N, C-alpha and C. Protein backbone atom coordinates (compact mmCIF):
# COMPACT_ATOMS: atom_id res chain seq x y z
N PHE A 1 4.07 -2.37 -7.61
CA PHE A 1 5.48 -2.61 -7.42
C PHE A 1 5.68 -3.41 -6.15
N LEU A 2 6.73 -4.20 -6.15
CA LEU A 2 7.16 -4.87 -4.93
C LEU A 2 8.50 -4.27 -4.54
N VAL A 3 8.61 -3.86 -3.28
CA VAL A 3 9.84 -3.25 -2.78
C VAL A 3 10.38 -4.14 -1.67
N LEU A 4 11.68 -4.36 -1.69
CA LEU A 4 12.32 -5.20 -0.69
C LEU A 4 13.26 -4.36 0.16
N GLY A 5 13.13 -4.51 1.46
CA GLY A 5 14.06 -3.89 2.41
C GLY A 5 14.51 -4.96 3.40
N PHE A 6 15.61 -4.71 4.05
CA PHE A 6 16.12 -5.64 5.05
C PHE A 6 16.26 -4.92 6.37
N ASN A 7 15.91 -5.63 7.45
CA ASN A 7 16.17 -5.13 8.79
C ASN A 7 16.58 -6.32 9.65
N SER A 8 16.61 -6.16 10.94
CA SER A 8 17.07 -7.24 11.82
C SER A 8 16.15 -8.47 11.77
N LEU A 9 14.95 -8.31 11.26
CA LEU A 9 14.03 -9.44 11.11
C LEU A 9 14.21 -10.17 9.79
N GLY A 10 15.05 -9.63 8.92
CA GLY A 10 15.28 -10.24 7.61
C GLY A 10 14.60 -9.43 6.52
N PRO A 11 14.24 -10.11 5.41
CA PRO A 11 13.62 -9.39 4.28
C PRO A 11 12.22 -8.90 4.64
N GLN A 12 11.94 -7.67 4.25
CA GLN A 12 10.63 -7.06 4.48
C GLN A 12 10.08 -6.59 3.13
N TRP A 13 9.04 -7.23 2.67
CA TRP A 13 8.44 -6.89 1.38
C TRP A 13 7.31 -5.89 1.56
N LEU A 14 7.12 -5.06 0.55
CA LEU A 14 6.06 -4.05 0.55
C LEU A 14 5.46 -4.00 -0.85
N ALA A 15 4.15 -4.20 -0.93
CA ALA A 15 3.43 -4.06 -2.20
C ALA A 15 2.96 -2.62 -2.31
N VAL A 16 3.43 -1.91 -3.32
CA VAL A 16 3.16 -0.48 -3.48
C VAL A 16 2.28 -0.26 -4.70
N GLU A 17 1.22 0.49 -4.51
CA GLU A 17 0.35 0.90 -5.62
C GLU A 17 0.38 2.41 -5.72
N LEU A 18 0.59 2.90 -6.93
CA LEU A 18 0.71 4.34 -7.17
C LEU A 18 -0.53 4.85 -7.88
N GLU A 19 -1.07 5.92 -7.35
CA GLU A 19 -2.17 6.63 -7.99
C GLU A 19 -1.75 8.08 -8.17
N ALA A 20 -2.42 8.79 -9.02
CA ALA A 20 -2.02 10.15 -9.37
C ALA A 20 -2.12 11.12 -8.20
N PRO A 21 -1.21 12.09 -8.16
CA PRO A 21 -1.27 13.11 -7.11
C PRO A 21 -2.53 13.97 -7.20
N ARG A 22 -3.17 14.00 -8.35
CA ARG A 22 -4.38 14.83 -8.52
C ARG A 22 -5.62 14.20 -7.90
N HIS A 23 -5.56 12.91 -7.56
CA HIS A 23 -6.72 12.23 -6.99
C HIS A 23 -6.83 12.52 -5.49
N ALA A 24 -8.05 12.72 -5.07
CA ALA A 24 -8.32 12.88 -3.63
C ALA A 24 -8.55 11.52 -3.01
N LEU A 25 -8.41 11.43 -1.72
CA LEU A 25 -8.62 10.18 -1.00
C LEU A 25 -10.11 9.89 -0.83
N LEU A 26 -10.88 10.92 -0.49
CA LEU A 26 -12.28 10.74 -0.15
C LEU A 26 -13.22 11.48 -1.09
N THR A 27 -14.43 10.97 -1.20
CA THR A 27 -15.49 11.69 -1.90
C THR A 27 -16.06 12.74 -0.94
N LYS A 28 -16.97 13.54 -1.42
CA LYS A 28 -17.56 14.58 -0.56
C LYS A 28 -18.33 13.99 0.62
N ASP A 29 -18.87 12.78 0.45
CA ASP A 29 -19.60 12.16 1.55
C ASP A 29 -18.70 11.38 2.51
N GLY A 30 -17.38 11.40 2.29
CA GLY A 30 -16.44 10.79 3.21
C GLY A 30 -16.05 9.36 2.90
N SER A 31 -16.57 8.80 1.81
CA SER A 31 -16.19 7.43 1.46
C SER A 31 -14.95 7.44 0.56
N LEU A 32 -14.29 6.30 0.48
CA LEU A 32 -13.10 6.20 -0.34
C LEU A 32 -13.44 6.36 -1.81
N ARG A 33 -12.61 7.13 -2.50
CA ARG A 33 -12.80 7.30 -3.94
C ARG A 33 -12.49 6.00 -4.66
N SER A 34 -13.01 5.84 -5.85
CA SER A 34 -12.82 4.61 -6.61
C SER A 34 -11.35 4.34 -6.91
N GLU A 35 -10.55 5.40 -7.08
CA GLU A 35 -9.12 5.22 -7.35
C GLU A 35 -8.41 4.59 -6.15
N VAL A 36 -8.83 4.97 -4.95
CA VAL A 36 -8.24 4.41 -3.74
C VAL A 36 -8.64 2.95 -3.60
N GLN A 37 -9.92 2.67 -3.80
CA GLN A 37 -10.40 1.29 -3.69
C GLN A 37 -9.73 0.41 -4.74
N HIS A 38 -9.52 0.93 -5.93
CA HIS A 38 -8.82 0.17 -6.97
C HIS A 38 -7.41 -0.19 -6.52
N ALA A 39 -6.71 0.76 -5.94
CA ALA A 39 -5.34 0.51 -5.47
C ALA A 39 -5.33 -0.53 -4.34
N ILE A 40 -6.28 -0.43 -3.42
CA ILE A 40 -6.39 -1.41 -2.34
C ILE A 40 -6.65 -2.80 -2.93
N ASN A 41 -7.53 -2.87 -3.92
CA ASN A 41 -7.83 -4.15 -4.57
C ASN A 41 -6.60 -4.73 -5.25
N GLN A 42 -5.76 -3.88 -5.81
CA GLN A 42 -4.54 -4.36 -6.46
C GLN A 42 -3.61 -5.04 -5.45
N VAL A 43 -3.45 -4.44 -4.28
CA VAL A 43 -2.62 -5.05 -3.23
C VAL A 43 -3.23 -6.38 -2.81
N GLN A 44 -4.53 -6.40 -2.65
CA GLN A 44 -5.20 -7.64 -2.25
C GLN A 44 -5.08 -8.71 -3.34
N ASP A 45 -5.10 -8.30 -4.60
CA ASP A 45 -4.89 -9.24 -5.70
C ASP A 45 -3.50 -9.85 -5.65
N TRP A 46 -2.48 -9.04 -5.32
CA TRP A 46 -1.12 -9.56 -5.15
C TRP A 46 -1.12 -10.63 -4.07
N ARG A 47 -1.77 -10.34 -2.97
CA ARG A 47 -1.81 -11.29 -1.85
C ARG A 47 -2.50 -12.59 -2.25
N GLU A 48 -3.59 -12.48 -2.98
CA GLU A 48 -4.29 -13.68 -3.44
C GLU A 48 -3.40 -14.50 -4.37
N TRP A 49 -2.70 -13.83 -5.28
CA TRP A 49 -1.79 -14.52 -6.19
C TRP A 49 -0.70 -15.23 -5.40
N LEU A 50 -0.16 -14.54 -4.40
CA LEU A 50 0.89 -15.15 -3.57
C LEU A 50 0.37 -16.35 -2.78
N THR A 51 -0.87 -16.32 -2.37
CA THR A 51 -1.46 -17.45 -1.66
C THR A 51 -1.37 -18.71 -2.52
N GLN A 52 -1.62 -18.55 -3.80
CA GLN A 52 -1.61 -19.69 -4.71
C GLN A 52 -0.22 -20.00 -5.27
N ASN A 53 0.69 -19.02 -5.25
CA ASN A 53 1.95 -19.15 -5.98
C ASN A 53 3.18 -18.79 -5.17
N VAL A 54 3.12 -18.89 -3.85
CA VAL A 54 4.24 -18.42 -3.03
C VAL A 54 5.53 -19.20 -3.33
N ALA A 55 5.45 -20.49 -3.54
CA ALA A 55 6.66 -21.27 -3.84
C ALA A 55 7.26 -20.81 -5.16
N TYR A 56 6.43 -20.58 -6.15
CA TYR A 56 6.91 -20.08 -7.44
C TYR A 56 7.57 -18.71 -7.28
N ALA A 57 6.91 -17.82 -6.53
CA ALA A 57 7.44 -16.47 -6.32
C ALA A 57 8.80 -16.51 -5.63
N GLN A 58 8.92 -17.35 -4.60
CA GLN A 58 10.17 -17.42 -3.85
C GLN A 58 11.27 -18.14 -4.63
N ASN A 59 10.95 -19.28 -5.21
CA ASN A 59 11.98 -20.11 -5.83
C ASN A 59 12.28 -19.76 -7.28
N GLU A 60 11.27 -19.49 -8.06
CA GLU A 60 11.47 -19.23 -9.49
C GLU A 60 11.71 -17.75 -9.79
N LEU A 61 11.00 -16.88 -9.07
CA LEU A 61 11.15 -15.44 -9.31
C LEU A 61 12.21 -14.82 -8.40
N GLY A 62 12.66 -15.56 -7.40
CA GLY A 62 13.70 -15.05 -6.50
C GLY A 62 13.20 -14.04 -5.48
N LEU A 63 11.91 -14.06 -5.17
CA LEU A 63 11.34 -13.13 -4.19
C LEU A 63 11.48 -13.74 -2.79
N TYR A 64 12.71 -13.87 -2.36
CA TYR A 64 13.06 -14.53 -1.11
C TYR A 64 12.28 -13.95 0.07
N GLY A 65 11.64 -14.83 0.81
CA GLY A 65 10.96 -14.42 2.04
C GLY A 65 9.59 -13.80 1.85
N ILE A 66 9.12 -13.65 0.63
CA ILE A 66 7.80 -13.03 0.43
C ILE A 66 6.71 -14.01 0.84
N THR A 67 5.64 -13.48 1.39
CA THR A 67 4.48 -14.28 1.77
C THR A 67 3.22 -13.55 1.32
N ASN A 68 2.09 -14.20 1.49
CA ASN A 68 0.80 -13.57 1.15
C ASN A 68 0.38 -12.54 2.19
N ARG A 69 1.19 -12.33 3.22
CA ARG A 69 0.90 -11.31 4.24
C ARG A 69 1.71 -10.04 3.99
N VAL A 70 2.19 -9.87 2.77
CA VAL A 70 2.99 -8.71 2.43
C VAL A 70 2.24 -7.42 2.81
N LYS A 71 2.96 -6.48 3.42
CA LYS A 71 2.35 -5.19 3.76
C LYS A 71 2.04 -4.43 2.48
N GLY A 72 1.09 -3.51 2.58
CA GLY A 72 0.69 -2.72 1.43
C GLY A 72 0.85 -1.23 1.68
N LEU A 73 1.10 -0.50 0.59
CA LEU A 73 1.20 0.96 0.63
C LEU A 73 0.56 1.52 -0.62
N VAL A 74 -0.36 2.46 -0.43
CA VAL A 74 -0.97 3.19 -1.53
C VAL A 74 -0.53 4.64 -1.44
N LEU A 75 0.04 5.15 -2.53
CA LEU A 75 0.39 6.57 -2.62
C LEU A 75 -0.61 7.23 -3.55
N ILE A 76 -1.28 8.26 -3.03
CA ILE A 76 -2.31 8.94 -3.81
C ILE A 76 -2.48 10.36 -3.28
N GLY A 77 -2.76 11.27 -4.18
CA GLY A 77 -3.13 12.62 -3.80
C GLY A 77 -2.01 13.43 -3.17
N ARG A 78 -2.39 14.59 -2.72
CA ARG A 78 -1.49 15.53 -2.05
C ARG A 78 -1.93 15.68 -0.61
N ALA A 79 -1.02 16.16 0.22
CA ALA A 79 -1.35 16.38 1.63
C ALA A 79 -2.46 17.42 1.73
N GLU A 80 -3.36 17.19 2.66
CA GLU A 80 -4.46 18.12 2.89
C GLU A 80 -4.38 18.62 4.33
N VAL A 81 -4.85 19.82 4.53
CA VAL A 81 -4.85 20.40 5.87
C VAL A 81 -5.85 19.69 6.78
N SER A 82 -6.93 19.19 6.21
CA SER A 82 -8.00 18.56 6.97
C SER A 82 -7.58 17.22 7.57
N ASN A 83 -8.11 16.90 8.73
CA ASN A 83 -7.89 15.60 9.35
C ASN A 83 -9.00 14.62 9.01
N ASP A 84 -9.89 14.99 8.08
CA ASP A 84 -11.01 14.12 7.71
C ASP A 84 -10.54 12.80 7.11
N ARG A 85 -9.34 12.79 6.58
CA ARG A 85 -8.80 11.59 5.94
C ARG A 85 -8.40 10.52 6.95
N GLU A 86 -8.08 10.92 8.15
CA GLU A 86 -7.47 10.00 9.12
C GLU A 86 -8.33 8.78 9.46
N PRO A 87 -9.63 8.93 9.73
CA PRO A 87 -10.42 7.74 10.06
C PRO A 87 -10.43 6.71 8.93
N ALA A 88 -10.56 7.17 7.70
CA ALA A 88 -10.58 6.24 6.56
C ALA A 88 -9.23 5.55 6.40
N ARG A 89 -8.15 6.30 6.51
CA ARG A 89 -6.81 5.73 6.40
C ARG A 89 -6.57 4.71 7.50
N SER A 90 -6.95 5.04 8.72
CA SER A 90 -6.76 4.14 9.85
C SER A 90 -7.57 2.87 9.69
N ARG A 91 -8.80 3.00 9.23
CA ARG A 91 -9.67 1.84 9.06
C ARG A 91 -9.08 0.86 8.03
N VAL A 92 -8.59 1.38 6.92
CA VAL A 92 -7.99 0.52 5.90
C VAL A 92 -6.75 -0.16 6.45
N HIS A 93 -5.93 0.59 7.19
CA HIS A 93 -4.71 0.00 7.75
C HIS A 93 -5.04 -1.11 8.74
N GLU A 94 -6.00 -0.88 9.61
CA GLU A 94 -6.37 -1.88 10.60
C GLU A 94 -7.00 -3.12 9.97
N GLU A 95 -7.84 -2.92 8.96
CA GLU A 95 -8.55 -4.04 8.35
C GLU A 95 -7.70 -4.80 7.34
N SER A 96 -6.80 -4.11 6.65
CA SER A 96 -6.13 -4.71 5.50
C SER A 96 -4.61 -4.69 5.55
N ASN A 97 -4.02 -4.07 6.57
CA ASN A 97 -2.57 -3.89 6.63
C ASN A 97 -2.05 -3.18 5.38
N ILE A 98 -2.80 -2.18 4.97
CA ILE A 98 -2.42 -1.34 3.83
C ILE A 98 -2.42 0.10 4.30
N GLU A 99 -1.27 0.75 4.21
CA GLU A 99 -1.19 2.16 4.58
C GLU A 99 -1.49 3.02 3.35
N ILE A 100 -2.15 4.14 3.59
CA ILE A 100 -2.45 5.09 2.52
C ILE A 100 -1.79 6.40 2.89
N HIS A 101 -0.96 6.91 1.98
CA HIS A 101 -0.26 8.16 2.20
C HIS A 101 -0.28 9.01 0.94
N SER A 102 -0.03 10.28 1.13
CA SER A 102 0.04 11.21 0.00
C SER A 102 1.45 11.22 -0.58
N TRP A 103 1.56 11.77 -1.76
CA TRP A 103 2.88 11.94 -2.38
C TRP A 103 3.74 12.89 -1.55
N ASP A 104 3.12 13.86 -0.89
CA ASP A 104 3.86 14.76 -0.02
C ASP A 104 4.47 14.01 1.17
N TRP A 105 3.75 13.02 1.69
CA TRP A 105 4.28 12.19 2.77
C TRP A 105 5.56 11.49 2.29
N LEU A 106 5.53 10.98 1.06
CA LEU A 106 6.71 10.30 0.53
C LEU A 106 7.90 11.24 0.44
N LEU A 107 7.66 12.46 -0.02
CA LEU A 107 8.75 13.43 -0.10
C LEU A 107 9.31 13.74 1.29
N ARG A 108 8.45 13.92 2.27
CA ARG A 108 8.93 14.17 3.64
C ARG A 108 9.69 12.97 4.17
N TYR A 109 9.19 11.77 3.90
CA TYR A 109 9.81 10.52 4.37
C TYR A 109 11.22 10.37 3.77
N LEU A 110 11.37 10.71 2.51
CA LEU A 110 12.65 10.55 1.83
C LEU A 110 13.68 11.57 2.25
N THR A 111 13.24 12.72 2.79
CA THR A 111 14.18 13.76 3.16
C THR A 111 14.56 13.72 4.63
N VAL A 112 14.02 12.76 5.37
CA VAL A 112 14.35 12.67 6.80
C VAL A 112 15.67 11.95 6.99
């Protein structure tokens, strides 16, 4: 999904990938599960498409202000008590500008 918000900087686009709440973020050895990597790849595929088609996206599809640097968000799994997820989430965010959050995070975010 592409989500559009506006702030003082203008239009802010977000590429959102949804995975099931039943999926965990990490495998037992601490690496990203295939479902997470698939979602990350989907955001990166959007960016690659935009690199080749940004004029079409903006002018023909009406995605005003979108660029191939669109931020990413992956929603997957449920909140866990463990902090083991944090290094993996941080690494993906730093390397790819894609945030990974649980469905519980979304519920908390929407009720604030």
